[in-house]
Amino acid sequence: MSTVTLELTDTSGANSGSTIDTSHESSLVIIDSDEEDTDKNDKRVKPNNVTVSNGFLLLSTTTTSLRTPNRQTSFCHKYWLINKLIIKSIIPDIKSFKLWQIILLLLFAVINVTFSILDFNSFFEQHKQRSIFKWSNDLSDGISLWKRILLCFSGIASFTNVVSVVLVIKGKLSSYLWGIIAAILYGIYSFAYGYVGDAQLYVMFFLPMQFVGVYMWSKELDSSSTTRVKSLSRFSWLVVLVISIGLGVIFYYEIPAFSKLLVGSYSFEAKLIPHVLDATTNALSVVAQFLLILCYWEQYVYWLVVNTMAIVMYSGLIETKLDINLLLVWIMLAINSLFGLYTWFMRWRRQSSPCVYATVFR
């Protein structure tokens, strides 16, 4: 026999999500409180404890069924329940934002969407013949209509990505839903416009990792439906650095090969520094994503390094042309990473020394 507890919390709309603690041989029962139990005579399930939370009857049950459930079926069922809880937590998670956070979120989102529509490089002398509208510039460049339609995806992807990264900072499981939408839309846009590094990163890595992250985070939620925070040991840091270097070497050769396969050329092939930065940012992004789904605060150290490298790449200082739109976007993402680094580090400190913080702030 084994016991399963499923808890869905919502404290005055401030927190939402799920805390799931399951074992391999457990069974899970969820009954909507708005519906009657139509199978009261089922003797295979004997409820030991019943609680009401956020419109659900949550049962701790002891299963006496003699049948052993298929592990694959059991996993799929649990994963489906997790995703249902994510959907239910979207609105409460958004409502958990304070007023100033909502204002900053909207401002950040509007700026990102604006940069996907308007080309501020047109204000510079070397671009004086260009329109401020990207659609018009693409039209004059002979870009196909279907690609210009996909340009709209970049704006939607920018908005959903902003919501995702902010919810990640808050440690909310619903961040992955927004991340899935952003990865799909921006991945399609990147493939259409030949942004090879971003295309393979978003479609082939970030997208599948969102589904992995959903499962991993569901096991790390605390009583307020916020993910717990971990810290790397010295040995773990060494392993992470070695993996980062190895991935950097792989991407140094893989990105040009993939680019030539996709669009027939690689823009940084004859430019050593941009080539190295391109490979390094991809490698560090992969490692940072793994640290994210494993709940390590050091992920933001990696994201900050990635953002800084991208700022250098699009600043026009190292054999690359200045791109105002991308430069400003990466600057904002770097600021976001600083907030994330501070927030996650402080949460880890509070988790590590709860008694100390309780005494200081009492």
Foldseek 3Di string as FASTA:
>chain_A
DDKWWKDFAADPLQFTAIATDDDQQDDFDKDFQVDDDPCPPPPQWDFDDWDDHPRITITITDGPDPDGDDSVVVVVVVLVVRVVRLVVCPRSNVVNDDPVRVVVLVVLLVLQLLLLFFAPVCVDPVNVVPGRGPLVVCVVVVQDPVLSVLSNLSSLLSSLLSVLLVVLLQQALNSLVSQLSSLVSVLVNCLSVLVQLSNCLSPVPSNVLSSVLSVLQSNQADPRRGGAADADDPVRVVVLVVQLVVQLVVQLPPSQVRSCVRPNGDPCPVFPPVSSLSSNLSSLLRSLSVNSSNRYLCSLVSQLVSLVSQLVQQCCPGPHHHRVSSNVSSVVSNVSSVSSSVSSVVSNVCVVCVVVVVVVVD
